[in-house]
Every structure is written in structure tokens, then in C-alpha cells.
């Protein structure tokens, strides 16, 4: 899996940018989402490198390796970001 990481990071960079821009323009984005999105847009390459470490463990990547589709990669990237980089919003009481 580590051998394909250099090939995967540029693709993840695109998915990170896409999600960050989506969140920036989302009227209902949380403060945590906006904080992450702004940081991701300031240094997309670094964020993609960090996120790639988690994407390598996602089921779709394990199943398909570097042949993972763009849609599946975007989904795995979003899952990794939500689970490891954006704090979940507190539950309403």
C-alpha cells in the first residue's frame, strides 16, 4: 500500500480541495468544518498527505488499491476527513 501512496496523494489533493470548497460554500457548515476547510485550502498538499495516511486504511482502497475510482476515492477521503480531522458536532439535547 505504501508504494502507491505517491500516486494517490495528488488524487487525494483534488478530493481535499473539492470538499474544502464545498464546505466553504455550504450555508449550514459548522465552525469545525469551516476551520478545517480554510486550513485545507491554505495548504492543500500538506493536508492531502496527512489524509492519505487514513485513506490507505479505507475498505474501498484496500479492495481496489490505486485503481480506486475517483468517486470512491472522494468518498474515502471525505470519510477520513470527517472521522479524523473534523470534530463531530455536539448532540442537541
C-alpha atoms as a PDB file:
ATOM      1  CA  UNK A   1       0.000   0.000   0.000  1.00  0.00           C
ATOM      2  CA  UNK A   2       2.824   2.408   0.739  1.00  0.00           C
ATOM      3  CA  UNK A   3       4.220   2.006  -2.779  1.00  0.00           C
ATOM      4  CA  UNK A   4       1.074   3.511  -4.297  1.00  0.00           C
ATOM      5  CA  UNK A   5       0.892   6.398  -1.812  1.00  0.00           C
ATOM      6  CA  UNK A   6       2.907   8.809  -4.025  1.00  0.00           C
ATOM      7  CA  UNK A   7       0.472   8.094  -6.868  1.00  0.00           C
ATOM      8  CA  UNK A   8      -2.537   8.546  -4.625  1.00  0.00           C
ATOM      9  CA  UNK A   9      -1.650  11.827  -2.882  1.00  0.00           C
ATOM     10  CA  UNK A  10      -2.201  14.052  -5.964  1.00  0.00           C
ATOM     11  CA  UNK A  11      -5.636  12.482  -6.443  1.00  0.00           C
ATOM     12  CA  UNK A  12      -6.443  12.985  -2.775  1.00  0.00           C
ATOM     13  CA  UNK A  13      -5.316  16.607  -3.106  1.00  0.00           C
ATOM     14  CA  UNK A  14      -8.089  17.124  -5.664  1.00  0.00           C
ATOM     15  CA  UNK A  15     -10.650  15.488  -3.358  1.00  0.00           C
ATOM     16  CA  UNK A  16      -9.473  17.617  -0.404  1.00  0.00           C
ATOM     17  CA  UNK A  17      -9.811  20.814  -2.478  1.00  0.00           C
ATOM     18  CA  UNK A  18     -13.242  19.806  -3.701  1.00  0.00           C
ATOM     19  CA  UNK A  19     -14.536  19.064  -0.194  1.00  0.00           C
ATOM     20  CA  UNK A  20     -12.977  22.219   1.273  1.00  0.00           C
ATOM     21  CA  UNK A  21     -14.604  24.416  -1.380  1.00  0.00           C
ATOM     22  CA  UNK A  22     -17.923  22.655  -0.877  1.00  0.00           C
ATOM     23  CA  UNK A  23     -17.792  23.296   2.875  1.00  0.00           C
ATOM     24  CA  UNK A  24     -16.753  26.938   2.462  1.00  0.00           C
ATOM     25  CA  UNK A  25     -19.854  27.500   0.324  1.00  0.00           C
ATOM     26  CA  UNK A  26     -22.211  25.403   2.454  1.00  0.00           C
ATOM     27  CA  UNK A  27     -24.601  27.709   4.329  1.00  0.00           C
ATOM     28  CA  UNK A  28     -25.066  25.152   7.128  1.00  0.00           C
ATOM     29  CA  UNK A  29     -21.362  24.331   7.625  1.00  0.00           C
ATOM     30  CA  UNK A  30     -20.299  24.065  11.256  1.00  0.00           C
ATOM     31  CA  UNK A  31     -17.466  26.109  12.740  1.00  0.00           C
ATOM     32  CA  UNK A  32     -15.353  22.943  12.831  1.00  0.00           C
ATOM     33  CA  UNK A  33     -15.987  22.254   9.148  1.00  0.00           C
ATOM     34  CA  UNK A  34     -15.137  25.837   8.187  1.00  0.00           C
ATOM     35  CA  UNK A  35     -11.958  25.801  10.284  1.00  0.00           C
ATOM     36  CA  UNK A  36     -10.822  22.592   8.592  1.00  0.00           C
ATOM     37  CA  UNK A  37     -11.774  23.825   5.106  1.00  0.00           C
ATOM     38  CA  UNK A  38      -9.847  27.088   5.486  1.00  0.00           C
ATOM     39  CA  UNK A  39      -6.765  25.232   6.762  1.00  0.00           C
ATOM     40  CA  UNK A  40      -7.037  22.724   3.905  1.00  0.00           C
ATOM     41  CA  UNK A  41      -7.194  25.474   1.296  1.00  0.00           C
ATOM     42  CA  UNK A  42      -4.164  27.238   2.800  1.00  0.00           C
ATOM     43  CA  UNK A  43      -2.011  24.131   2.424  1.00  0.00           C
ATOM     44  CA  UNK A  44      -3.775  21.548   0.295  1.00  0.00           C
ATOM     45  CA  UNK A  45      -0.702  19.432  -0.443  1.00  0.00           C
ATOM     46  CA  UNK A  46       0.130  19.000   3.236  1.00  0.00           C
ATOM     47  CA  UNK A  47      -3.485  18.198   4.106  1.00  0.00           C
ATOM     48  CA  UNK A  48      -3.664  15.630   1.281  1.00  0.00           C
ATOM     49  CA  UNK A  49      -0.511  13.979   2.598  1.00  0.00           C
ATOM     50  CA  UNK A  50      -1.990  13.782   6.089  1.00  0.00           C
ATOM     51  CA  UNK A  51      -5.356  12.500   4.854  1.00  0.00           C
ATOM     52  CA  UNK A  52      -3.706   9.870   2.628  1.00  0.00           C
ATOM     53  CA  UNK A  53      -2.472   8.017   5.700  1.00  0.00           C
ATOM     54  CA  UNK A  54      -6.086   7.361   6.684  1.00  0.00           C
ATOM     55  CA  UNK A  55      -7.403   6.723   3.165  1.00  0.00           C
ATOM     56  CA  UNK A  56      -4.957   3.835   2.828  1.00  0.00           C
ATOM     57  CA  UNK A  57      -6.948   2.061   5.537  1.00  0.00           C
ATOM     58  CA  UNK A  58     -10.374   2.609   3.970  1.00  0.00           C
ATOM     59  CA  UNK A  59     -12.153  -0.513   2.694  1.00  0.00           C
ATOM     60  CA  UNK A  60     -12.510   0.766  -0.902  1.00  0.00           C
ATOM     61  CA  UNK A  61      -8.803   1.479  -1.136  1.00  0.00           C
ATOM     62  CA  UNK A  62      -7.862  -1.863   0.367  1.00  0.00           C
ATOM     63  CA  UNK A  63     -10.137  -3.609  -2.133  1.00  0.00           C
ATOM     64  CA  UNK A  64      -9.135  -1.638  -5.260  1.00  0.00           C
ATOM     65  CA  UNK A  65      -5.697  -0.180  -4.496  1.00  0.00           C
ATOM     66  CA  UNK A  66      -4.532   2.547  -6.841  1.00  0.00           C
ATOM     67  CA  UNK A  67      -7.301   1.512  -9.269  1.00  0.00           C
ATOM     68  CA  UNK A  68      -9.900   3.015  -6.932  1.00  0.00           C
ATOM     69  CA  UNK A  69     -12.398   5.137  -8.860  1.00  0.00           C
ATOM     70  CA  UNK A  70     -12.409   8.913  -8.445  1.00  0.00           C
ATOM     71  CA  UNK A  71     -15.859   8.774  -6.837  1.00  0.00           C
ATOM     72  CA  UNK A  72     -14.791   6.072  -4.369  1.00  0.00           C
ATOM     73  CA  UNK A  73     -11.588   7.966  -3.603  1.00  0.00           C
ATOM     74  CA  UNK A  74     -13.551  11.174  -2.954  1.00  0.00           C
ATOM     75  CA  UNK A  75     -15.872   9.249  -0.642  1.00  0.00           C
ATOM     76  CA  UNK A  76     -12.969   7.604   1.217  1.00  0.00           C
ATOM     77  CA  UNK A  77     -11.270  10.998   1.523  1.00  0.00           C
ATOM     78  CA  UNK A  78     -14.415  12.616   2.915  1.00  0.00           C
ATOM     79  CA  UNK A  79     -14.856   9.768   5.394  1.00  0.00           C
ATOM     80  CA  UNK A  80     -11.252  10.083   6.559  1.00  0.00           C
ATOM     81  CA  UNK A  81     -11.579  13.854   6.961  1.00  0.00           C
ATOM     82  CA  UNK A  82     -14.854  13.610   8.865  1.00  0.00           C
ATOM     83  CA  UNK A  83     -13.575  10.843  11.136  1.00  0.00           C
ATOM     84  CA  UNK A  84     -10.074  12.141  11.828  1.00  0.00           C
ATOM     85  CA  UNK A  85      -9.887  15.886  11.130  1.00  0.00           C
ATOM     86  CA  UNK A  86     -13.288  17.474  11.763  1.00  0.00           C
ATOM     87  CA  UNK A  87     -14.645  17.185  15.273  1.00  0.00           C
ATOM     88  CA  UNK A  88     -18.212  15.923  15.319  1.00  0.00           C
ATOM     89  CA  UNK A  89     -20.826  18.479  16.264  1.00  0.00           C
ATOM     90  CA  UNK A  90     -22.209  18.009  19.790  1.00  0.00           C
ATOM     91  CA  UNK A  91     -25.565  16.286  20.010  1.00  0.00           C
ATOM     92  CA  UNK A  92     -28.551  18.552  20.613  1.00  0.00           C
ATOM     93  CA  UNK A  93     -30.251  17.956  23.923  1.00  0.00           C
END
